[in-house]
Each structure stands twice: as C-alpha cells, then as structure tokens.
Amino acid sequence: MPTAPAAPAAPRLQDLPPRAAHFCLAVERFVREELGLDLRGRTVLAAFSGGLDSTALLAALAVLAPRLGCAVAAAHLDHGLRPESATEARAAARLCARLGLPCETGREDVGALAAARGLGLEDAARQARYAFLAGAMKRRGATVLAVGHVLEDLAEDVLMRLTRGAGWPQLGGMRAWDRERCLLRPLLLAPRARARALVAALGLPWTEDPSNADPRFLRNRMRHTVLPQLLAENPNFLRQVATQWRLARLDAEQFAAETAALLSRAEAVPGAPGALLLPGALLAPLAPAQRLRLFKAALEALGPGQPLAEGLFRLERAWASGRGGAVLQFPGPKTAHILAGAARGVRFSRADAGGANRA
C-alpha cells in the first residue's frame, strides 16, 4: 500500500544558514526580552500580503513557533485592485501550505468600498484589511496579530510624524507591541536587507506591489525620496532611528507612569459630572514639562478630542502667569478654566452648548 506523502512542515532553526538563524534568534530576543512578551499557548495570526516583509515575518514566525510555544496562522486579503491580485492570493495560500501553516484568505472590492464610503483607496484598503483580519483572528482563536513592518518602515513613520508635528516621545515612531490592539511588530528593528536574506535562504518567492512606488502616497515619497537622501548624509541613519525608538519607549513608559500618578490626584467637581480639578497645590511644584503632560492627560480623560500642542502651551502660559478666570477651549469641545484665589487650580470640563469665552 503506497505511503501518503508527509505533510509540509515549517523550516527548523537548525537547518538554516547561520545568518538566517541569527536573524530569527534576534527576532526571538526582541519579542521575549525587549518587549517582555510571552506567547506560550497563544495563537499568532500573521497578516500576509505576499510581499517581501510579510514573507519574512511569516517565515520567522514559522521557524520560531516551537521556541516561542505559540501556534501560527496566516491571513491574506485580496483587495481586488489589480488584475493579478487573485493569482497572488493563490500563490500566498501555496506558500503558507509549503511552510505548513494554515491560511485564511478573503477578497474585498476596495475600489467599490472607497467609492461607497467616500474614502481614498489607501484608507479604504486599511479599513477592509483590518476588518478582515479581525474576523480571521476570531475564527482562528488568535490573540496576537503580527504585521511585517521592518526598520525602514519605522524610519518612514518617524519622518511622517516629524512632518505632521508629533512631540516626544511619540516622535520615536510606532509601537512594536500595541497591547490595546493586540498588534505585534516583531521585525520592527530589523533592516529590510536582513529580512530579504532570510527569505532568500529559504528560497521563498514574494510579490512586489506596484502601489508601493506610487508617489501620491506620503509614505512612498518618504521611502523613495527623503529616506535615501538621509541615508546618503548618514549611512547609520537607520541605526540612529532604532536607538531613538528605544529611548522613546523608555521615556514613554516613565512619562505615562508619572502622569497617571499625578492624574489620580485630580479632584471631582461638585455638581459637574465628569469634570476634573487639578488643584494649585498639585500643579505649582511641577516642572512645565510635567504640567503639559498632565494637562493633556486631563483633557483626554474627558473623552474624544485631541488637544494640540499650541493649545497646551497657551494653557501653560496662562497658568504660569496667574491669569485667574481665563478659559481656554480645546477640541471635544472641552474647556480648561483657570481658577483664582484660594481655590487656585485648573478645572477641565466639556464646554456648555453656548461655548465659552476664549482666553
């Protein structure tokens, strides 16, 4: 009786060339030690486009799954934007089968979705992709969604944040582990060249999405115009981005802990549900940097509406100069009212229907 062919199996770490094995081990250290993430007993769903970065992500996770103690599955969405996308979806499924991984596939007419919702193609594709991935996670019982951003993507993100006016430590770039979204970027500090070397060592194919060269998108302009110029000025620029990311992460954790402790000392305002009072005794000893972060946290605690840096600086100047009675407006709509006299402090609340006087 003929023997059934063996099921495809994931590549093993010990079978990889040294450089590829070192890459995978570096990814493991990043997840375990730097992010402090324990994946034992969990299912990780990898968003798999079929491009180079997501192919490297899938390969690294397949190799590391036994060491990390997790299960790995893939999910591929055909956006229906190019004639060859259906062929690429079938190729993605075959590659997953070759790695011995289950693969969720789906299709969405992103062009029609963009027209129906009045969105640009990039936004519509992002919405469709994350809706599909959320469904795939539920079907697979996954508690972690892994995406294939690499160090160059982090550099592009930093440049876009700088262009849009982000402050510190947000200027450090995207998170590697977003606990709220269960989103993991295990390759975030890995240069694309090392990801390519892993894929080449395993002989895995990948596809190039022509939209990645479209100059209409800001990310692509950063990738193909700004980043190469910076690398020409400083060949170690990517290494500096990784260092800045690490510093930003440490600062963000410290600032968040300090601000949460200070915000816990805010007082309720009698007769004004949801309003917060930061008493003068709390604010006076603080450095301006601490007050700015505390003001921002108090405004965000009131609900949707992003306080901008210009408004926060105005509030700090008004407080520092003792402008009792001043009322500043913030998106939401929200107000910050500087109190004078014995009750000196700053009261934060949602604005009345009729609005408030501008300071």
Protein backbone atom coordinates (compact mmCIF):
# COMPACT_ATOMS: atom_id res chain seq x y z
CA MET A 1 0.00 0.00 0.00
CA PRO A 2 1.57 3.37 -1.00
CA THR A 3 2.60 5.69 1.81
CA ALA A 4 0.84 9.05 1.99
CA PRO A 5 3.16 11.99 1.41
CA ALA A 6 4.31 13.75 4.55
CA ALA A 7 2.53 16.98 5.41
CA PRO A 8 4.55 20.12 4.77
CA ALA A 9 6.48 21.28 7.82
CA ALA A 10 7.85 24.60 8.93
CA PRO A 11 11.60 25.12 8.45
CA ARG A 12 13.71 24.35 11.51
CA LEU A 13 16.15 26.75 13.07
CA GLN A 14 18.98 24.22 12.98
CA ASP A 15 18.57 23.77 9.22
CA LEU A 16 19.03 27.46 8.42
CA PRO A 17 22.28 29.06 7.26
CA PRO A 18 23.98 30.92 10.14
CA ARG A 19 22.95 34.40 9.04
CA ALA A 20 19.30 33.41 8.68
CA ALA A 21 19.35 31.59 12.02
CA HIS A 22 20.87 34.64 13.74
CA PHE A 23 18.12 36.81 12.25
CA CYS A 24 15.42 34.54 13.69
CA LEU A 25 17.12 34.43 17.09
CA ALA A 26 17.34 38.23 17.11
CA VAL A 27 13.58 38.39 16.47
CA GLU A 28 13.00 35.97 19.35
CA ARG A 29 15.15 38.08 21.72
CA PHE A 30 13.32 41.23 20.66
CA VAL A 31 9.92 39.69 21.43
CA ARG A 32 10.91 37.93 24.64
CA GLU A 33 13.41 40.31 26.22
CA GLU A 34 12.89 43.79 24.82
CA LEU A 35 9.10 43.64 24.59
CA GLY A 36 8.71 41.22 27.51
CA LEU A 37 6.01 39.34 25.60
CA ASP A 38 5.20 35.73 26.47
CA LEU A 39 3.48 33.97 23.56
CA ARG A 40 3.27 30.49 25.11
CA GLY A 41 -0.07 28.85 24.47
CA ARG A 42 -1.25 31.67 22.21
CA THR A 43 -2.14 31.76 18.53
CA VAL A 44 -0.45 34.43 16.44
CA LEU A 45 -2.13 35.48 13.20
CA ALA A 46 0.32 36.93 10.67
CA ALA A 47 -1.02 39.49 8.20
CA PHE A 48 0.42 38.12 4.97
CA SER A 49 0.33 40.26 1.84
CA GLY A 50 2.81 38.13 -0.09
CA GLY A 51 5.37 40.93 -0.21
CA LEU A 52 8.94 40.66 0.99
CA ASP A 53 8.41 41.94 4.52
CA SER A 54 5.35 39.84 5.32
CA THR A 55 7.02 36.77 3.79
CA ALA A 56 9.98 37.29 6.13
CA LEU A 57 7.56 37.74 9.02
CA LEU A 58 5.74 34.51 8.22
CA ALA A 59 8.98 32.58 7.78
CA ALA A 60 10.47 33.86 11.04
CA LEU A 61 7.32 33.04 12.99
CA ALA A 62 7.14 29.58 11.43
CA VAL A 63 10.74 28.91 12.47
CA LEU A 64 10.29 30.34 15.96
CA ALA A 65 6.85 28.94 16.83
CA PRO A 66 8.26 25.86 18.67
CA ARG A 67 10.67 28.05 20.65
CA LEU A 68 8.04 30.65 21.47
CA GLY A 69 5.48 27.98 22.33
CA CYS A 70 2.81 29.51 20.09
CA ALA A 71 0.72 28.47 17.11
CA VAL A 72 0.96 30.50 13.90
CA ALA A 73 -1.59 31.07 11.14
CA ALA A 74 -1.65 33.48 8.20
CA ALA A 75 -4.32 35.71 6.70
CA HIS A 76 -4.28 37.16 3.17
CA LEU A 77 -6.81 39.64 1.77
CA ASP A 78 -7.16 40.19 -1.97
CA HIS A 79 -8.01 43.90 -2.33
CA GLY A 80 -9.29 43.43 -5.88
CA LEU A 81 -7.38 46.46 -7.15
CA ARG A 82 -5.17 44.76 -9.75
CA PRO A 83 -5.90 42.03 -12.35
CA GLU A 84 -3.13 39.82 -10.92
CA SER A 85 -4.34 40.02 -7.31
CA ALA A 86 -6.34 36.78 -7.50
CA THR A 87 -3.26 34.93 -8.78
CA GLU A 88 -1.22 36.43 -5.94
CA ALA A 89 -3.81 35.26 -3.41
CA ARG A 90 -3.47 31.69 -4.67
CA ALA A 91 0.33 31.99 -4.52
CA ALA A 92 0.07 33.22 -0.92
CA ALA A 93 -2.01 30.18 0.02
CA ARG A 94 0.53 27.85 -1.63
CA LEU A 95 3.42 29.45 0.24
CA CYS A 96 1.61 29.00 3.56
CA ALA A 97 0.99 25.35 2.71
CA ARG A 98 4.69 24.99 1.92
CA LEU A 99 5.52 26.33 5.40
CA GLY A 100 2.97 24.02 6.98
CA LEU A 101 0.80 26.93 8.17
CA PRO A 102 -2.97 27.38 7.89
CA CYS A 103 -4.03 30.36 5.82
CA GLU A 104 -7.22 32.43 5.90
CA THR A 105 -7.98 34.08 2.56
CA GLY A 106 -10.60 36.64 1.57
CA ARG A 107 -11.45 39.18 -1.10
CA GLU A 108 -12.79 42.74 -0.89
CA ASP A 109 -13.59 45.16 -3.71
CA VAL A 110 -11.66 48.04 -2.16
CA GLY A 111 -12.40 50.35 -5.08
CA ALA A 112 -16.14 49.96 -4.56
CA LEU A 113 -15.70 50.31 -0.80
CA ALA A 114 -13.79 53.58 -1.24
CA ALA A 115 -16.49 54.98 -3.52
CA ALA A 116 -19.31 53.93 -1.18
CA ARG A 117 -17.67 55.46 1.91
CA GLY A 118 -16.10 58.49 0.27
CA LEU A 119 -12.60 57.35 1.19
CA GLY A 120 -9.25 57.34 -0.53
CA LEU A 121 -8.02 53.95 -1.72
CA GLU A 122 -5.36 53.77 0.99
CA ASP A 123 -7.86 54.40 3.81
CA ALA A 124 -10.42 52.05 2.30
CA ALA A 125 -7.82 49.30 1.93
CA ARG A 126 -6.72 49.77 5.55
CA GLN A 127 -10.31 49.53 6.82
CA ALA A 128 -11.04 46.44 4.72
CA ARG A 129 -7.80 44.78 5.76
CA TYR A 130 -8.26 45.26 9.49
CA ALA A 131 -11.92 44.20 9.34
CA PHE A 132 -10.87 41.01 7.56
CA LEU A 133 -8.02 40.40 9.99
CA ALA A 134 -10.33 40.89 12.99
CA GLY A 135 -12.64 38.23 11.59
CA ALA A 136 -9.75 35.88 10.87
CA MET A 137 -8.45 36.30 14.42
CA LYS A 138 -11.84 35.38 15.80
CA ARG A 139 -12.13 32.31 13.59
CA ARG A 140 -8.62 31.14 14.49
CA GLY A 141 -8.84 32.00 18.18
CA ALA A 142 -5.81 34.24 17.78
CA THR A 143 -4.92 36.75 20.49
CA VAL A 144 -2.00 38.40 18.68
CA LEU A 145 -1.94 39.98 15.22
CA ALA A 146 1.57 40.19 13.75
CA VAL A 147 2.46 42.56 10.92
CA GLY A 148 5.68 42.79 8.94
CA HIS A 149 6.94 46.33 9.50
CA VAL A 150 10.74 46.50 9.37
CA LEU A 151 13.27 49.17 10.37
CA GLU A 152 12.85 51.14 7.13
CA ASP A 153 9.09 51.33 7.82
CA LEU A 154 9.87 52.68 11.28
CA ALA A 155 12.14 55.34 9.75
CA GLU A 156 9.39 56.35 7.33
CA ASP A 157 6.91 56.56 10.19
CA VAL A 158 9.29 58.77 12.20
CA LEU A 159 9.69 61.10 9.22
CA MET A 160 5.93 61.33 8.69
CA ARG A 161 5.40 62.08 12.38
CA LEU A 162 8.06 64.79 12.21
CA THR A 163 6.36 66.27 9.15
CA ARG A 164 2.98 66.29 10.89
CA GLY A 165 4.31 67.80 14.11
CA ALA A 166 4.47 64.93 16.62
CA GLY A 167 6.03 65.58 20.01
CA TRP A 168 8.31 63.48 22.15
CA PRO A 169 8.21 60.55 22.80
CA GLN A 170 5.64 59.88 20.04
CA LEU A 171 8.30 61.05 17.59
CA GLY A 172 10.11 57.78 18.29
CA GLY A 173 7.68 56.01 15.97
CA MET A 174 5.14 53.21 16.01
CA ARG A 175 4.89 50.69 18.81
CA ALA A 176 6.32 47.20 18.46
CA TRP A 177 3.65 45.84 20.83
CA ASP A 178 0.31 47.62 20.93
CA ARG A 179 -1.46 45.96 23.83
CA GLU A 180 -4.81 47.64 23.18
CA ARG A 181 -4.95 46.37 19.59
CA CYS A 182 -3.05 43.10 20.30
CA LEU A 183 -0.78 44.19 17.44
CA LEU A 184 2.80 42.90 17.28
CA ARG A 185 5.61 44.10 15.01
CA PRO A 186 8.37 41.57 15.71
CA LEU A 187 10.62 42.75 12.84
CA LEU A 188 10.41 46.45 13.68
CA LEU A 189 14.13 46.92 14.39
CA ALA A 190 15.28 44.54 11.65
CA PRO A 191 16.71 46.10 8.47
CA ARG A 192 14.97 45.01 5.27
CA ALA A 193 18.22 43.58 3.90
CA ARG A 194 18.30 41.01 6.71
CA ALA A 195 14.65 40.13 6.12
CA ARG A 196 15.43 39.62 2.44
CA ALA A 197 18.36 37.38 3.34
CA LEU A 198 16.08 35.10 5.38
CA VAL A 199 13.56 34.80 2.56
CA ALA A 200 16.34 34.10 0.06
CA ALA A 201 17.91 31.47 2.34
CA LEU A 202 14.59 29.59 2.41
CA GLY A 203 14.05 30.02 -1.32
CA LEU A 204 10.66 31.64 -0.81
CA PRO A 205 9.03 33.75 -3.53
CA TRP A 206 7.43 37.11 -2.90
CA THR A 207 5.50 39.68 -4.92
CA GLU A 208 6.11 43.39 -5.43
CA ASP A 209 3.05 45.60 -5.06
CA PRO A 210 3.31 48.43 -7.63
CA SER A 211 1.33 50.72 -5.32
CA ASN A 212 4.45 50.89 -3.12
CA ALA A 213 6.03 53.08 -5.80
CA ASP A 214 3.05 55.42 -6.22
CA PRO A 215 4.23 58.96 -5.31
CA ARG A 216 0.68 60.04 -4.45
CA PHE A 217 1.14 58.42 -1.04
CA LEU A 218 3.20 60.25 1.59
CA ARG A 219 4.83 57.06 2.83
CA ASN A 220 6.14 56.30 -0.65
CA ARG A 221 7.56 59.81 -1.03
CA MET A 222 9.37 59.35 2.25
CA ARG A 223 10.59 55.90 1.15
CA HIS A 224 11.86 56.81 -2.30
CA THR A 225 12.89 60.46 -1.90
CA VAL A 226 13.53 61.61 1.67
CA LEU A 227 14.95 58.46 3.28
CA PRO A 228 17.59 57.82 0.58
CA GLN A 229 18.82 61.41 0.98
CA LEU A 230 19.16 60.98 4.74
CA LEU A 231 20.99 57.70 4.28
CA ALA A 232 23.35 59.42 1.85
CA GLU A 233 24.08 62.04 4.52
CA ASN A 234 24.40 59.46 7.31
CA PRO A 235 24.73 55.77 6.36
CA ASN A 236 23.98 54.92 10.02
CA PHE A 237 20.65 56.76 9.98
CA LEU A 238 18.60 53.57 10.41
CA ARG A 239 20.68 52.59 13.42
CA GLN A 240 20.02 56.03 14.91
CA VAL A 241 16.28 55.56 14.31
CA ALA A 242 16.42 52.27 16.25
CA THR A 243 18.28 53.98 19.11
CA GLN A 244 15.76 56.82 19.18
CA TRP A 245 12.91 54.28 19.23
CA ARG A 246 14.41 52.56 22.28
CA LEU A 247 14.89 55.88 24.10
CA ALA A 248 11.36 56.98 23.23
CA ARG A 249 9.93 53.73 24.55
CA LEU A 250 11.71 54.16 27.89
CA ASP A 251 10.62 57.78 28.16
CA ALA A 252 7.03 56.95 27.21
CA GLU A 253 6.80 54.34 29.96
CA GLN A 254 8.27 56.72 32.54
CA PHE A 255 6.13 59.69 31.48
CA ALA A 256 2.98 57.56 31.44
CA ALA A 257 3.61 56.26 34.96
CA GLU A 258 4.36 59.72 36.35
CA THR A 259 1.37 61.33 34.64
CA ALA A 260 -1.03 58.59 35.75
CA ALA A 261 0.10 59.03 39.36
CA LEU A 262 -0.44 62.79 39.14
CA LEU A 263 -3.81 62.45 37.41
CA SER A 264 -5.00 60.14 40.18
CA ARG A 265 -4.79 63.17 42.48
CA ALA A 266 -7.30 65.15 40.40
CA GLU A 267 -10.46 66.09 42.26
CA ALA A 268 -14.10 65.75 41.22
CA VAL A 269 -16.07 68.97 40.77
CA PRO A 270 -19.33 69.06 42.77
CA GLY A 271 -22.34 69.49 40.51
CA ALA A 272 -20.30 68.92 37.33
CA PRO A 273 -20.25 65.20 36.47
CA GLY A 274 -17.15 64.22 34.56
CA ALA A 275 -15.29 67.47 35.25
CA LEU A 276 -11.81 67.36 36.80
CA LEU A 277 -9.98 69.81 39.01
CA LEU A 278 -6.20 69.90 39.17
CA PRO A 279 -5.57 71.87 42.38
CA GLY A 280 -2.91 74.53 42.55
CA ALA A 281 -1.08 72.62 45.29
CA LEU A 282 -0.60 69.79 42.81
CA LEU A 283 0.39 71.95 39.84
CA ALA A 284 2.67 74.52 41.47
CA PRO A 285 5.66 72.25 42.30
CA LEU A 286 5.69 70.63 38.86
CA ALA A 287 8.07 71.46 36.04
CA PRO A 288 6.41 72.86 32.89
CA ALA A 289 7.03 69.59 31.05
CA GLN A 290 5.14 67.68 33.75
CA ARG A 291 2.25 70.14 33.75
CA LEU A 292 1.92 69.98 29.96
CA ARG A 293 1.63 66.19 30.05
CA LEU A 294 -0.79 66.35 32.97
CA PHE A 295 -2.97 68.94 31.18
CA LYS A 296 -3.04 66.70 28.11
CA ALA A 297 -3.99 63.63 30.16
CA ALA A 298 -6.77 65.53 31.95
CA LEU A 299 -8.26 66.70 28.65
CA GLU A 300 -8.05 63.21 27.15
CA ALA A 301 -9.78 61.77 30.23
CA LEU A 302 -12.87 63.80 29.28
CA GLY A 303 -13.39 61.82 26.08
CA PRO A 304 -12.73 62.18 22.32
CA GLY A 305 -10.93 65.26 21.06
CA GLN A 306 -7.18 65.56 20.63
CA PRO A 307 -5.56 68.50 22.45
CA LEU A 308 -2.94 70.11 20.23
CA ALA A 309 0.45 71.36 21.38
CA GLU A 310 -0.34 75.02 20.64
CA GLY A 311 -3.37 74.95 22.94
CA LEU A 312 -1.45 73.17 25.70
CA PHE A 313 1.33 75.77 25.53
CA ARG A 314 -1.29 78.55 25.80
CA LEU A 315 -2.74 76.86 28.86
CA GLU A 316 0.70 76.54 30.47
CA ARG A 317 1.45 80.23 29.83
CA ALA A 318 -1.93 81.26 31.27
CA TRP A 319 -1.38 79.13 34.39
CA ALA A 320 2.22 80.25 34.92
CA SER A 321 1.25 83.95 34.62
CA GLY A 322 -1.59 83.55 37.12
CA ARG A 323 -4.39 84.53 34.74
CA GLY A 324 -7.26 83.59 37.03
CA GLY A 325 -10.60 83.43 35.25
CA ALA A 326 -9.12 82.61 31.84
CA VAL A 327 -11.00 79.95 29.87
CA LEU A 328 -9.32 78.09 27.05
CA GLN A 329 -11.16 75.94 24.54
CA PHE A 330 -9.98 72.58 23.21
CA PRO A 331 -11.39 70.11 20.67
CA GLY A 332 -14.12 67.93 22.03
CA PRO A 333 -15.44 70.52 22.80
CA LYS A 334 -13.68 70.90 26.14
CA THR A 335 -12.60 73.80 28.31
CA ALA A 336 -9.82 74.49 30.77
CA HIS A 337 -10.81 77.15 33.33
CA ILE A 338 -8.04 78.68 35.44
CA LEU A 339 -9.33 79.37 38.93
CA ALA A 340 -8.03 82.23 41.05
CA GLY A 341 -7.85 82.88 44.78
CA ALA A 342 -7.95 80.21 47.48
CA ALA A 343 -9.34 77.65 45.01
CA ARG A 344 -6.49 78.21 42.56
CA GLY A 345 -6.16 75.38 40.06
CA VAL A 346 -7.37 74.33 36.61
CA ARG A 347 -10.83 72.88 36.07
CA PHE A 348 -11.38 70.75 32.98
CA SER A 349 -14.85 70.05 31.61
CA ARG A 350 -16.81 69.67 28.43
CA ALA A 351 -17.93 73.03 27.11
CA ASP A 352 -21.53 74.23 27.51
CA ALA A 353 -23.71 74.27 24.42
CA GLY A 354 -23.22 78.01 24.18
CA GLY A 355 -19.43 77.74 24.31
CA ALA A 356 -17.01 79.69 26.49
CA ASN A 357 -15.00 82.85 26.13
CA ARG A 358 -11.63 82.39 24.51
CA ALA A 359 -8.59 83.31 26.52
